[in-house]
């Protein structure tokens, strides 16, 4: 599978963290169903994993 750029992987990581955090905050104040809460948390974890696994984090000076 193709590698994604460092910029896109950072965007995926930040959106994933935001999705997980916002789900936790929203569920604290507003009663949402377990399906919605689990789906949003799963999407956030998925974005984090995609950003980490397929991201191009090698530096320009590595061999």
Protein backbone atom coordinates (compact mmCIF):
# COMPACT_ATOMS: atom_id res chain seq x y z
CA UNK A 1 0.00 0.00 0.00
CA UNK A 2 1.18 3.51 -0.70
CA UNK A 3 2.66 5.66 2.00
CA UNK A 4 0.91 8.90 2.83
CA UNK A 5 2.82 12.12 3.31
CA UNK A 6 3.92 13.41 6.66
CA UNK A 7 1.45 16.30 6.45
CA UNK A 8 -1.54 14.04 5.75
CA UNK A 9 -0.55 11.66 8.54
CA UNK A 10 -0.35 14.55 11.01
CA UNK A 11 -3.79 15.71 9.91
CA UNK A 12 -5.18 12.19 10.41
CA UNK A 13 -3.60 11.96 13.85
CA UNK A 14 -4.99 15.30 14.98
CA UNK A 15 -8.50 14.62 13.60
CA UNK A 16 -8.48 11.18 15.26
CA UNK A 17 -7.50 12.62 18.63
CA UNK A 18 -10.12 15.35 18.26
CA UNK A 19 -12.83 12.79 17.41
CA UNK A 20 -12.04 10.69 20.47
CA UNK A 21 -11.80 13.68 22.81
CA UNK A 22 -14.96 15.33 21.51
CA UNK A 23 -16.88 12.07 21.84
CA UNK A 24 -15.85 11.82 25.48
CA UNK A 25 -16.78 15.44 26.18
CA UNK A 26 -20.13 15.25 24.38
CA UNK A 27 -21.09 12.00 26.12
CA UNK A 28 -20.31 13.62 29.48
CA UNK A 29 -22.90 16.38 29.00
CA UNK A 30 -25.40 14.94 26.50
CA UNK A 31 -26.81 11.44 26.63
CA UNK A 32 -25.88 9.73 23.37
CA UNK A 33 -26.48 6.10 22.50
CA UNK A 34 -23.81 3.48 22.87
CA UNK A 35 -23.81 2.87 19.12
CA UNK A 36 -23.03 6.52 18.35
CA UNK A 37 -20.40 6.75 21.06
CA UNK A 38 -18.69 3.55 19.96
CA UNK A 39 -18.83 4.48 16.28
CA UNK A 40 -17.24 7.89 16.83
CA UNK A 41 -14.56 6.44 19.09
CA UNK A 42 -13.87 3.69 16.56
CA UNK A 43 -13.55 6.20 13.74
CA UNK A 44 -11.08 8.18 15.83
CA UNK A 45 -9.00 5.11 16.63
CA UNK A 46 -9.09 4.09 12.98
CA UNK A 47 -7.78 7.48 11.88
CA UNK A 48 -5.01 7.27 14.47
CA UNK A 49 -3.97 3.83 13.28
CA UNK A 50 -4.05 4.77 9.60
CA UNK A 51 -1.93 7.84 10.32
CA UNK A 52 0.59 5.81 12.31
CA UNK A 53 0.82 2.72 10.11
CA UNK A 54 0.81 4.27 6.65
CA UNK A 55 2.49 7.57 7.55
CA UNK A 56 5.89 8.46 6.20
CA UNK A 57 7.79 9.43 9.36
CA UNK A 58 11.29 8.75 8.12
CA UNK A 59 13.60 11.70 8.32
CA UNK A 60 15.52 13.00 5.34
CA UNK A 61 18.82 11.84 6.88
CA UNK A 62 17.96 8.20 7.58
CA UNK A 63 19.58 5.43 5.57
